Amino acid sequence: MNRYPLKGSERDLLPGARVLGSADPNERLEVSLILRTGDPPALRERMAQLARGERLTPLSREEFAREHGANEPDLAAVREFARSQGLAVVQEHAGRRTVVLAGTVSQMNAAFGIQLLRCEHAAGTYRGRQGAVQLPQGLQDIVVAVLGLDNRPQARPHFRIRTGPRKRKSRAASPPATSFTPVQLASLYNFPASDGRGQCIGLIELGGGYRPQDLSAYFGHLGLPLPTVTAVSVDHAVNQPTGDSGGPDGEVVLDIEVSGAIAPAATLAVYFAPNTDAGFLDAVTTAIHDTVNRPSVVSISWGSAEPDWTPQAMTAMDEAFQAALAMGITVCVAAGDSGATDGVADGNNHVDFPASSPHALACGGTSLNATQTAISGEVVWNDGNPAAGATGGGVSAFFALPPWQDGMDTTSVQGTRAPLTNRGVPDVAGDADPNTGYQVFVDGVSAVFGGTSAVAPLWAGLLARINTLTARRAGYVQPLLYPDNGGFRDITKGNNGGYQASAGWDACTGLGSPKGQQLAAIQGL
């Protein structure tokens, strides 16, 4: 059988990892095959119209599946491939363009021309591979990604917990330590009077879980009704609290409590998936194409630096976000908490993915100086070094410059200005400093959380409110937000270790933090 390397599927071992040997040939695993889009010219034209700010009637999930989902001949070709290799088809979804195949390591090695390895890394052991995935001639134009062969942890949550007294910093603009409820932040940011009624917010989670008693106590303390929260299992993952508020539970509950307090009448669908490239994408596509819960906004607070991803995985995720926008669904994504390097120790600046997708609303972080009733100042969130915490932001090395960022530039911490040549991150911002952070209740413990993890659900809740007011889905908001800076509080002080804040858009806080009522009044939103 002639085989061809799948473009963009090349993998290498994690830095510092060592090979312990071949993976157990009898280990069972599942992989997700992503198929090509149906009628790509029509979808490209729709996306181009939306990028120009044209307001189109969103496609329904059913319409999208018919017009742009995987077609039957392509699905049949994958079924035949699976049959020939002794693999089982355990899931097939035309709208998601996804077929999940199951088999043993030995079968996967033979089917995809690879050698799966057992690898050891500082974070633990994982099943890895090197080189490209190989496809037979009949699938080389049909399958655009094969994910899940490698099960290394793909992403990390972007939250920080306040752990002690605020350390003295050199920046005089740093506000004193305080904390806010999400309700207080909605008031400070002048969110429009709305409760998100009729909306569903999808939350993507790659581990951990929530305890209903914690949610009851939290929302009861705020004097708010307990929102309807539904756990959705993806790739066999479930709501499974660990009891560690500093672990993934912290992310799950932060997302629920922030978005639920901002939009208390919205329903919350929490999509639990394994922390792998396949699990992450499957959670996103499941949420976007969910015909039961039907999220109108999706919030993602997980990610990692672009170099951590294969090109096939980034492209597949970006295409999933395009599908969301075609259906009028906005995807809010945290921009990262490790400053301009995004935690990569190679001496270069990097941005976090999936926030760097131009079809995601990338959410950066600020440090907020405010009383309980008024904002007196706001600067870039930077606690002095990436280990302590600083907002992500910078320039993508993978995604091209979107039209709504054309003509913008960046300013380095040395004061050098440069034209923006690729996708700039973030788009928007909000309070993310744990020293001016969010009051949460998780695993029976009250705590103050920060990080851009809190900003994504903050913006998701705001957009749910706006959707209720306008009786439509906001969808692709960047082409509308960028020309209208009146909806933002421009952040002009501070840096994230690589880029300096400046008037207008910058690579620290984007357009700025929200002026909610002014945003809601933007024509077309």
Protein backbone atom coordinates (compact mmCIF):
# COMPACT_ATOMS: atom_id res chain seq x y z
CA MET A 1 0.00 0.00 0.00
CA ASN A 2 1.40 3.36 -1.02
CA ARG A 3 1.55 5.82 1.88
CA TYR A 4 1.91 9.58 2.00
CA PRO A 5 2.91 11.77 4.95
CA LEU A 6 0.05 13.86 6.34
CA LYS A 7 1.11 17.49 6.06
CA GLY A 8 1.51 19.20 9.43
CA SER A 9 1.31 15.97 11.45
CA GLU A 10 5.00 15.86 12.36
CA ARG A 11 5.63 15.28 16.07
CA ASP A 12 8.76 15.16 18.20
CA LEU A 13 9.26 14.16 21.80
CA LEU A 14 8.71 16.67 24.54
CA PRO A 15 11.92 18.56 25.37
CA GLY A 16 13.84 16.56 27.95
CA ALA A 17 11.80 13.40 27.43
CA ARG A 18 13.42 10.02 27.02
CA VAL A 19 12.14 6.90 25.32
CA LEU A 20 11.53 3.97 27.67
CA GLY A 21 10.65 1.60 24.85
CA SER A 22 7.83 0.73 22.52
CA ALA A 23 4.28 1.35 23.66
CA ASP A 24 2.37 -1.73 24.81
CA PRO A 25 1.19 -3.30 21.53
CA ASN A 26 -2.04 -4.44 23.18
CA GLU A 27 -2.96 -1.06 24.66
CA ARG A 28 -6.30 0.09 23.30
CA LEU A 29 -6.67 3.70 22.16
CA GLU A 30 -8.99 5.91 20.18
CA VAL A 31 -7.96 8.43 17.55
CA SER A 32 -9.94 11.23 15.92
CA LEU A 33 -9.75 11.62 12.16
CA ILE A 34 -10.75 15.07 10.93
CA LEU A 35 -12.10 15.12 7.40
CA ARG A 36 -12.06 17.90 4.83
CA THR A 37 -14.76 20.57 4.77
CA GLY A 38 -17.73 20.25 2.47
CA ASP A 39 -18.02 23.04 -0.12
CA PRO A 40 -14.93 25.00 1.04
CA PRO A 41 -15.34 27.85 -1.50
CA ALA A 42 -18.76 28.74 -0.09
CA LEU A 43 -17.45 28.65 3.48
CA ARG A 44 -14.43 30.79 2.56
CA GLU A 45 -16.72 33.38 1.00
CA ARG A 46 -18.94 33.43 4.10
CA MET A 47 -15.92 33.89 6.36
CA ALA A 48 -14.58 36.69 4.13
CA GLN A 49 -17.92 38.49 4.32
CA LEU A 50 -18.00 38.15 8.10
CA ALA A 51 -14.40 39.37 8.37
CA ARG A 52 -15.44 42.52 6.48
CA GLY A 53 -18.09 43.16 9.12
CA GLU A 54 -21.05 42.05 7.03
CA ARG A 55 -23.83 40.69 9.22
CA LEU A 56 -25.14 37.47 7.74
CA THR A 57 -27.91 35.28 9.06
CA PRO A 58 -26.10 32.55 11.01
CA LEU A 59 -26.40 29.03 9.73
CA SER A 60 -28.18 26.60 12.00
CA ARG A 61 -26.21 23.59 13.18
CA GLU A 62 -28.28 21.43 10.88
CA GLU A 63 -27.65 23.74 7.90
CA PHE A 64 -23.93 23.79 8.57
CA ALA A 65 -23.77 19.99 8.72
CA ARG A 66 -25.58 19.71 5.38
CA GLU A 67 -23.59 22.42 3.60
CA HIS A 68 -20.10 22.14 5.11
CA GLY A 69 -19.91 18.86 7.01
CA ALA A 70 -18.09 15.77 5.81
CA ASN A 71 -19.79 14.21 2.80
CA GLU A 72 -20.94 10.60 2.63
CA PRO A 73 -18.31 9.37 0.11
CA ASP A 74 -15.53 10.67 2.39
CA LEU A 75 -17.09 9.04 5.45
CA ALA A 76 -17.46 5.80 3.53
CA ALA A 77 -13.78 5.89 2.51
CA VAL A 78 -12.75 6.19 6.17
CA ARG A 79 -15.07 3.33 7.14
CA GLU A 80 -13.47 1.13 4.47
CA PHE A 81 -9.99 2.10 5.66
CA ALA A 82 -10.97 1.17 9.23
CA ARG A 83 -12.38 -2.17 8.09
CA SER A 84 -9.22 -2.99 6.15
CA GLN A 85 -7.04 -2.26 9.18
CA GLY A 86 -9.22 -4.05 11.72
CA LEU A 87 -10.14 -0.77 13.47
CA ALA A 88 -13.57 -0.10 14.92
CA VAL A 89 -15.59 3.02 14.08
CA VAL A 90 -16.83 4.10 17.50
CA GLN A 91 -18.16 7.53 16.54
CA GLU A 92 -18.99 9.40 13.36
CA HIS A 93 -20.30 12.95 13.06
CA ALA A 94 -20.64 14.63 9.69
CA GLY A 95 -21.11 18.15 11.08
CA ARG A 96 -17.98 17.88 13.23
CA ARG A 97 -16.18 16.23 10.28
CA THR A 98 -14.93 13.68 12.80
CA VAL A 99 -14.61 9.90 12.78
CA VAL A 100 -13.26 8.23 15.92
CA LEU A 101 -11.47 4.93 15.37
CA ALA A 102 -10.49 2.43 18.06
CA GLY A 103 -7.84 -0.26 18.05
CA THR A 104 -4.64 -1.45 19.65
CA VAL A 105 -1.26 0.23 19.51
CA SER A 106 -0.14 -2.51 17.15
CA GLN A 107 -3.05 -1.85 14.81
CA MET A 108 -2.54 1.92 14.89
CA ASN A 109 1.16 1.50 14.12
CA ALA A 110 0.29 -0.56 11.07
CA ALA A 111 -2.62 1.65 9.97
CA PHE A 112 -0.73 4.95 10.13
CA GLY A 113 2.85 3.88 9.42
CA ILE A 114 4.19 5.00 12.80
CA GLN A 115 5.89 3.55 15.88
CA LEU A 116 4.22 4.56 19.13
CA LEU A 117 6.62 4.90 22.04
CA ARG A 118 6.47 4.92 25.81
CA CYS A 119 8.12 8.16 26.93
CA GLU A 120 9.12 9.63 30.26
CA HIS A 121 9.04 13.34 31.00
CA ALA A 122 9.23 15.53 34.09
CA ALA A 123 5.42 15.72 34.06
CA GLY A 124 5.07 11.91 33.87
CA THR A 125 4.90 9.21 31.23
CA TYR A 126 3.02 9.46 27.97
CA ARG A 127 2.51 7.66 24.68
CA GLY A 128 4.47 9.50 22.02
CA ARG A 129 5.60 9.33 18.44
CA GLN A 130 8.13 10.95 16.14
CA GLY A 131 7.78 12.02 12.53
CA ALA A 132 4.67 12.26 10.39
CA VAL A 133 1.50 10.21 10.26
CA GLN A 134 1.25 8.21 7.04
CA LEU A 135 -1.99 7.90 5.05
CA PRO A 136 -2.91 5.61 2.18
CA GLN A 137 -3.51 7.18 -1.20
CA GLY A 138 -7.28 6.93 -0.87
CA LEU A 139 -7.32 9.15 2.23
CA GLN A 140 -4.59 11.66 1.50
CA ASP A 141 -7.02 14.31 0.20
CA ILE A 142 -9.83 13.38 2.61
CA VAL A 143 -8.22 13.31 6.07
CA VAL A 144 -6.74 16.63 7.25
CA ALA A 145 -5.73 15.60 10.79
CA VAL A 146 -5.18 12.46 12.85
CA LEU A 147 -5.20 13.27 16.55
CA GLY A 148 -4.87 11.18 19.70
CA LEU A 149 -2.06 8.83 18.74
CA ASP A 150 0.16 10.87 21.05
CA ASN A 151 -1.49 11.41 24.44
CA ARG A 152 0.86 13.94 26.04
CA PRO A 153 -0.93 16.67 28.06
CA GLN A 154 -1.73 19.28 25.41
CA ALA A 155 -2.79 22.31 27.43
CA ARG A 156 -2.70 23.90 30.84
CA PRO A 157 -5.30 25.98 32.66
CA HIS A 158 -4.63 29.72 32.77
CA PHE A 159 -5.47 30.65 36.35
CA ARG A 160 -3.41 31.89 39.27
CA ILE A 161 -4.43 31.73 42.93
CA ARG A 162 -3.58 34.48 45.37
CA THR A 163 -1.41 32.65 47.90
CA GLY A 164 -0.07 35.32 50.24
CA PRO A 165 0.52 39.01 50.84
CA ARG A 166 1.13 41.06 47.73
CA LYS A 167 4.82 41.43 47.05
CA ARG A 168 6.22 44.89 46.62
CA LYS A 169 6.77 45.70 42.97
CA SER A 170 8.68 48.43 41.25
CA ARG A 171 5.67 49.66 39.27
CA ALA A 172 4.09 52.58 41.12
CA ALA A 173 0.86 52.02 39.20
CA SER A 174 0.26 48.65 40.85
CA PRO A 175 -3.03 48.77 42.77
CA PRO A 176 -3.31 47.50 46.35
CA ALA A 177 -4.50 43.95 46.92
CA THR A 178 -8.25 43.52 46.87
CA SER A 179 -10.82 41.19 45.36
CA PHE A 180 -14.21 41.32 43.66
CA THR A 181 -17.18 39.15 42.99
CA PRO A 182 -18.06 38.71 39.32
CA VAL A 183 -21.21 40.73 40.01
CA GLN A 184 -19.11 43.66 41.24
CA LEU A 185 -16.87 43.44 38.17
CA ALA A 186 -19.92 43.45 35.89
CA SER A 187 -20.99 46.66 37.60
CA LEU A 188 -17.52 48.24 37.44
CA TYR A 189 -17.28 47.41 33.74
CA ASN A 190 -20.77 48.84 33.21
CA PHE A 191 -22.25 45.68 31.75
CA PRO A 192 -25.72 46.14 30.25
CA ALA A 193 -28.71 45.17 32.36
CA SER A 194 -29.40 41.64 31.22
CA ASP A 195 -29.21 38.15 32.68
CA GLY A 196 -28.34 36.00 29.68
CA ARG A 197 -31.80 34.49 29.52
CA GLY A 198 -32.28 32.18 26.55
CA GLN A 199 -28.52 31.68 26.08
CA CYS A 200 -26.24 28.73 26.72
CA ILE A 201 -22.56 29.22 27.54
CA GLY A 202 -20.33 26.27 26.67
CA LEU A 203 -17.30 25.74 28.93
CA ILE A 204 -14.40 23.57 27.74
CA GLU A 205 -12.64 21.61 30.52
CA LEU A 206 -9.72 19.18 30.24
CA GLY A 207 -9.82 17.63 33.69
CA GLY A 208 -11.21 18.02 37.19
CA GLY A 209 -14.78 18.79 38.01
CA TYR A 210 -17.28 20.64 40.19
CA ARG A 211 -19.29 19.78 43.29
CA PRO A 212 -22.94 20.88 43.20
CA GLN A 213 -22.78 21.82 46.90
CA ASP A 214 -19.99 24.31 46.18
CA LEU A 215 -22.04 25.96 43.45
CA SER A 216 -25.12 26.12 45.69
CA ALA A 217 -23.11 27.78 48.45
CA TYR A 218 -21.43 30.25 46.09
CA PHE A 219 -24.48 31.47 44.23
CA GLY A 220 -26.50 31.50 47.44
CA HIS A 221 -23.89 33.77 49.01
CA LEU A 222 -24.18 36.11 46.02
CA GLY A 223 -27.97 36.10 46.30
CA LEU A 224 -28.27 34.64 42.81
CA PRO A 225 -30.29 31.67 41.60
CA LEU A 226 -28.30 28.50 41.03
CA PRO A 227 -27.74 28.30 37.25
CA THR A 228 -28.60 25.18 35.31
CA VAL A 229 -25.30 23.36 34.87
CA THR A 230 -25.04 20.31 32.62
CA ALA A 231 -21.95 18.11 32.42
CA VAL A 232 -21.28 16.70 28.93
CA SER A 233 -18.92 13.74 28.53
CA VAL A 234 -16.48 13.84 25.59
CA ASP A 235 -14.18 10.92 24.77
CA HIS A 236 -15.18 9.16 28.02
CA ALA A 237 -14.14 12.03 30.35
CA VAL A 238 -16.62 13.00 33.07
CA ASN A 239 -17.17 15.52 35.83
CA GLN A 240 -14.64 14.18 38.34
CA PRO A 241 -13.56 16.60 41.09
CA THR A 242 -10.08 15.89 42.40
CA GLY A 243 -10.49 17.71 45.71
CA ASP A 244 -7.53 19.94 44.82
CA SER A 245 -8.64 23.55 44.39
CA GLY A 246 -5.22 24.37 42.92
CA GLY A 247 -5.63 21.71 40.24
CA PRO A 248 -8.09 21.43 37.37
CA ASP A 249 -11.04 21.76 39.78
CA GLY A 250 -10.02 25.39 40.20
CA GLU A 251 -10.38 25.99 36.47
CA VAL A 252 -13.72 24.24 36.15
CA VAL A 253 -15.31 26.04 39.07
CA LEU A 254 -13.81 29.43 38.18
CA ASP A 255 -15.37 29.18 34.73
CA ILE A 256 -18.77 28.16 36.10
CA GLU A 257 -18.89 30.74 38.88
CA VAL A 258 -17.71 33.69 36.79
CA SER A 259 -19.91 33.03 33.75
CA GLY A 260 -22.86 31.96 35.89
CA ALA A 261 -22.69 35.08 38.06
CA ILE A 262 -22.39 37.38 35.03
CA ALA A 263 -25.25 35.70 33.15
CA PRO A 264 -27.31 34.03 35.91
CA ALA A 265 -30.25 33.07 33.68
CA ALA A 266 -28.08 31.42 31.03
CA THR A 267 -27.62 27.67 31.07
CA LEU A 268 -24.08 26.35 31.37
CA ALA A 269 -22.93 23.27 29.47
CA VAL A 270 -19.58 21.97 30.73
CA TYR A 271 -17.76 19.76 28.21
CA PHE A 272 -15.29 17.42 29.93
CA ALA A 273 -12.60 15.87 27.73
CA PRO A 274 -9.14 14.31 28.12
CA ASN A 275 -6.21 16.72 28.07
CA THR A 276 -4.85 15.63 24.68
CA ASP A 277 -4.90 17.25 21.26
CA ALA A 278 -7.76 14.94 20.26
CA GLY A 279 -9.70 15.51 23.48
CA PHE A 280 -9.35 19.29 23.26
CA LEU A 281 -10.57 19.47 19.68
CA ASP A 282 -13.34 16.93 20.26
CA ALA A 283 -14.62 18.99 23.21
CA VAL A 284 -14.68 22.16 21.10
CA THR A 285 -16.42 20.56 18.12
CA THR A 286 -18.89 18.77 20.40
CA ALA A 287 -19.84 22.09 21.99
CA ILE A 288 -20.09 23.95 18.70
CA HIS A 289 -22.24 21.29 17.05
CA ASP A 290 -24.30 20.40 20.14
CA THR A 291 -27.94 20.27 18.99
CA VAL A 292 -29.22 19.66 22.53
CA ASN A 293 -27.64 22.44 24.62
CA ARG A 294 -26.91 24.75 21.64
CA PRO A 295 -24.30 27.13 23.12
CA SER A 296 -24.32 30.65 21.68
CA VAL A 297 -20.98 31.47 23.35
CA VAL A 298 -18.07 29.14 24.17
CA SER A 299 -15.41 29.92 26.78
CA ILE A 300 -11.97 28.28 26.77
CA SER A 301 -9.45 28.89 29.55
CA TRP A 302 -6.91 26.23 28.53
CA GLY A 303 -4.03 26.48 26.08
CA SER A 304 -0.30 26.30 25.51
CA ALA A 305 2.36 27.99 23.41
CA GLU A 306 2.13 27.61 19.64
CA PRO A 307 5.34 25.50 19.44
CA ASP A 308 3.61 22.85 21.59
CA TRP A 309 1.10 22.13 18.82
CA THR A 310 1.29 20.34 15.50
CA PRO A 311 0.19 22.43 12.51
CA GLN A 312 -2.56 19.88 11.78
CA ALA A 313 -4.03 20.36 15.27
CA MET A 314 -3.92 24.18 15.07
CA THR A 315 -5.50 24.17 11.63
CA ALA A 316 -8.25 21.77 12.71
CA MET A 317 -9.04 23.88 15.79
CA ASP A 318 -9.09 27.08 13.74
CA GLU A 319 -11.46 25.45 11.26
CA ALA A 320 -13.70 24.48 14.18
CA PHE A 321 -13.79 28.13 15.26
CA GLN A 322 -14.67 29.14 11.71
CA ALA A 323 -17.60 26.73 11.86
CA ALA A 324 -18.66 28.36 15.13
CA LEU A 325 -18.61 31.83 13.58
CA ALA A 326 -20.58 30.64 10.57
CA MET A 327 -23.24 29.56 13.07
CA GLY A 328 -23.05 32.83 15.03
CA ILE A 329 -21.19 31.34 18.01
CA THR A 330 -18.46 33.46 19.64
CA VAL A 331 -15.49 31.59 21.12
CA CYS A 332 -13.70 33.45 23.96
CA VAL A 333 -10.19 32.16 24.77
CA ALA A 334 -7.73 33.02 27.53
CA ALA A 335 -4.47 34.53 26.21
CA GLY A 336 -2.18 32.90 28.79
CA ASP A 337 -0.57 33.81 32.10
CA SER A 338 3.17 33.59 31.41
CA GLY A 339 3.88 36.88 29.72
CA ALA A 340 5.28 37.44 26.24
CA THR A 341 7.31 34.21 26.23
CA ASP A 342 4.27 32.10 27.16
CA GLY A 343 6.60 30.09 29.37
CA VAL A 344 8.85 28.85 26.54
CA ALA A 345 12.50 29.01 27.58
CA ASP A 346 14.08 29.55 24.16
CA GLY A 347 14.71 33.28 24.48
CA ASN A 348 11.92 34.20 22.05
CA ASN A 349 8.42 35.55 22.43
CA HIS A 350 5.47 33.25 21.79
CA VAL A 351 1.70 33.46 21.90
CA ASP A 352 -0.73 30.97 23.37
CA PHE A 353 -2.97 28.76 21.26
CA PRO A 354 -5.94 28.51 20.73
CA ALA A 355 -6.12 32.22 21.64
CA SER A 356 -3.90 32.96 18.63
CA SER A 357 -6.53 31.72 16.20
CA PRO A 358 -7.88 34.80 14.38
CA HIS A 359 -11.34 33.25 14.73
CA ALA A 360 -11.18 33.25 18.54
CA LEU A 361 -11.75 36.31 20.73
CA ALA A 362 -8.42 36.37 22.59
CA CYS A 363 -8.76 37.65 26.17
CA GLY A 364 -5.78 39.28 27.89
CA GLY A 365 -5.36 40.50 31.45
CA THR A 366 -5.22 43.70 33.46
CA SER A 367 -4.63 44.74 37.05
CA LEU A 368 -7.63 46.70 38.27
CA ASN A 369 -7.53 49.56 40.74
CA ALA A 370 -11.07 50.19 41.94
CA THR A 371 -13.35 50.67 44.87
CA GLN A 372 -16.45 48.53 44.99
CA THR A 373 -18.24 51.15 42.87
CA ALA A 374 -15.74 52.86 40.53
CA ILE A 375 -12.56 52.16 38.57
CA SER A 376 -9.71 54.53 39.36
CA GLY A 377 -7.04 52.92 37.18
CA GLU A 378 -6.15 49.86 35.15
CA VAL A 379 -2.75 48.66 33.93
CA VAL A 380 -1.30 45.59 32.22
CA TRP A 381 -1.27 42.58 34.54
CA ASN A 382 2.37 41.74 35.26
CA ASP A 383 3.51 40.51 38.65
CA GLY A 384 7.16 40.98 37.74
CA ASN A 385 8.07 37.75 35.97
CA PRO A 386 6.31 35.01 34.01
CA ALA A 387 6.55 32.58 36.92
CA ALA A 388 4.59 34.97 39.14
CA GLY A 389 2.13 35.75 36.36
CA ALA A 390 1.67 38.19 33.50
CA THR A 391 -0.80 38.43 30.67
CA GLY A 392 0.04 36.64 27.45
CA GLY A 393 0.20 38.60 24.23
CA GLY A 394 2.27 39.08 21.15
CA VAL A 395 2.38 38.03 17.50
CA SER A 396 1.48 34.62 16.12
CA ALA A 397 4.13 32.67 14.23
CA PHE A 398 1.45 30.57 12.52
CA PHE A 399 -1.62 32.63 11.66
CA ALA A 400 -1.72 35.37 9.05
CA LEU A 401 -2.72 38.96 9.77
CA PRO A 402 -6.54 39.24 9.84
CA PRO A 403 -8.03 42.16 7.90
CA TRP A 404 -9.38 43.89 11.00
CA GLN A 405 -5.83 44.21 12.41
CA ASP A 406 -4.34 45.60 9.22
CA GLY A 407 -2.21 48.71 9.79
CA MET A 408 -1.60 48.12 13.49
CA ASP A 409 1.76 47.81 15.17
CA THR A 410 3.48 46.61 18.32
CA THR A 411 5.75 48.39 20.76
CA SER A 412 8.49 46.41 22.47
CA VAL A 413 9.52 47.04 26.07
CA GLN A 414 12.61 48.73 24.59
CA GLY A 415 10.31 51.18 22.80
CA THR A 416 10.78 49.79 19.28
CA ARG A 417 7.65 50.01 17.12
CA ALA A 418 7.08 47.42 14.40
CA PRO A 419 4.22 46.83 11.97
CA LEU A 420 1.96 43.94 12.89
CA THR A 421 2.62 41.29 10.23
CA ASN A 422 0.76 38.28 11.65
CA ARG A 423 -2.20 37.74 13.96
CA GLY A 424 -1.81 39.91 17.07
CA VAL A 425 -2.89 38.70 20.52
CA PRO A 426 -5.02 39.57 22.48
CA ASP A 427 -8.17 41.26 21.17
CA VAL A 428 -9.70 42.36 24.48
CA ALA A 429 -8.88 42.30 28.18
CA GLY A 430 -10.26 42.34 31.69
CA ASP A 431 -9.18 41.98 35.31
CA ALA A 432 -6.76 39.04 35.64
CA ASP A 433 -4.39 39.95 38.46
CA PRO A 434 -4.91 37.55 41.39
CA ASN A 435 -4.12 40.49 43.67
CA THR A 436 -7.20 42.26 42.30
CA GLY A 437 -8.92 38.99 41.55
CA TYR A 438 -12.18 37.06 41.66
CA GLN A 439 -13.78 35.61 44.77
CA VAL A 440 -14.56 31.93 44.18
CA PHE A 441 -15.59 28.89 46.22
CA VAL A 442 -14.10 25.56 45.14
CA ASP A 443 -13.72 22.20 46.89
CA GLY A 444 -15.16 23.71 50.05
CA VAL A 445 -12.60 26.52 50.15
CA SER A 446 -13.01 30.26 49.57
CA ALA A 447 -10.17 31.68 47.47
CA VAL A 448 -9.21 34.57 45.23
CA PHE A 449 -8.35 33.60 41.66
CA GLY A 450 -6.81 35.53 38.81
CA GLY A 451 -5.36 34.72 35.43
CA THR A 452 -6.73 35.17 31.96
CA SER A 453 -8.79 32.06 32.74
CA ALA A 454 -11.17 34.43 34.50
CA VAL A 455 -11.30 36.88 31.60
CA ALA A 456 -12.64 34.40 29.02
CA PRO A 457 -15.78 33.53 31.05
CA LEU A 458 -16.16 37.22 31.99
CA TRP A 459 -16.40 38.09 28.30
CA ALA A 460 -18.55 35.04 27.59
CA GLY A 461 -21.02 36.23 30.22
CA LEU A 462 -21.00 39.74 28.76
CA LEU A 463 -21.70 38.41 25.26
CA ALA A 464 -24.50 36.21 26.60
CA ARG A 465 -26.06 39.34 28.10
CA ILE A 466 -25.72 41.19 24.81
CA ASN A 467 -27.19 38.25 22.88
CA THR A 468 -30.24 38.35 25.12
CA LEU A 469 -30.68 42.08 24.59
CA THR A 470 -30.29 41.93 20.81
CA ALA A 471 -32.15 38.61 20.38
CA ARG A 472 -29.39 37.37 18.06
CA ARG A 473 -26.00 35.67 18.29
CA ALA A 474 -23.03 38.05 18.19
CA GLY A 475 -20.75 35.59 16.41
CA TYR A 476 -17.70 37.13 14.74
CA VAL A 477 -17.29 40.24 16.85
CA GLN A 478 -13.74 41.42 16.04
CA PRO A 479 -14.64 43.12 12.71
CA LEU A 480 -17.19 45.16 14.65
CA LEU A 481 -15.11 45.85 17.75
CA TYR A 482 -11.87 47.01 16.14
CA PRO A 483 -13.28 50.05 14.32
CA ASP A 484 -15.22 51.20 17.41
CA ASN A 485 -12.83 51.92 20.30
CA GLY A 486 -15.60 53.70 22.20
CA GLY A 487 -16.54 50.36 23.73
CA PHE A 488 -13.21 50.00 25.52
CA ARG A 489 -11.16 51.46 28.34
CA ASP A 490 -7.78 51.84 26.64
CA ILE A 491 -4.94 50.44 28.77
CA THR A 492 -1.77 52.46 28.13
CA LYS A 493 0.46 51.60 31.11
CA GLY A 494 2.52 48.50 31.79
CA ASN A 495 4.03 45.64 29.81
CA ASN A 496 3.99 41.86 29.68
CA GLY A 497 7.75 41.39 29.58
CA GLY A 498 8.03 41.67 25.81
CA TYR A 499 5.51 44.27 24.67
CA GLN A 500 4.53 47.67 26.01
CA ALA A 501 0.99 48.96 26.36
CA SER A 502 0.19 51.92 24.13
CA ALA A 503 -2.72 53.97 22.87
CA GLY A 504 -5.11 51.88 20.81
CA TRP A 505 -4.57 48.16 20.25
CA ASP A 506 -1.46 46.66 21.83
CA ALA A 507 0.01 43.20 22.34
CA CYS A 508 -0.71 43.22 26.08
CA THR A 509 -4.37 44.11 26.51
CA GLY A 510 -5.63 44.35 22.93
CA LEU A 511 -8.28 47.02 22.52
CA GLY A 512 -8.67 47.29 26.30
CA SER A 513 -11.15 46.32 28.99
CA PRO A 514 -14.90 46.49 28.37
CA LYS A 515 -17.28 49.38 28.69
CA GLY A 516 -20.22 47.05 28.61
CA GLN A 517 -23.13 49.29 27.72
CA GLN A 518 -21.16 51.02 24.97
CA LEU A 519 -20.20 47.63 23.54
CA ALA A 520 -23.81 46.52 23.56
CA ALA A 521 -24.71 49.62 21.55
CA ILE A 522 -22.24 48.93 18.70
CA GLN A 523 -24.23 48.65 15.52
CA GLY A 524 -24.48 45.08 14.28
CA LEU A 525 -23.24 43.42 17.47
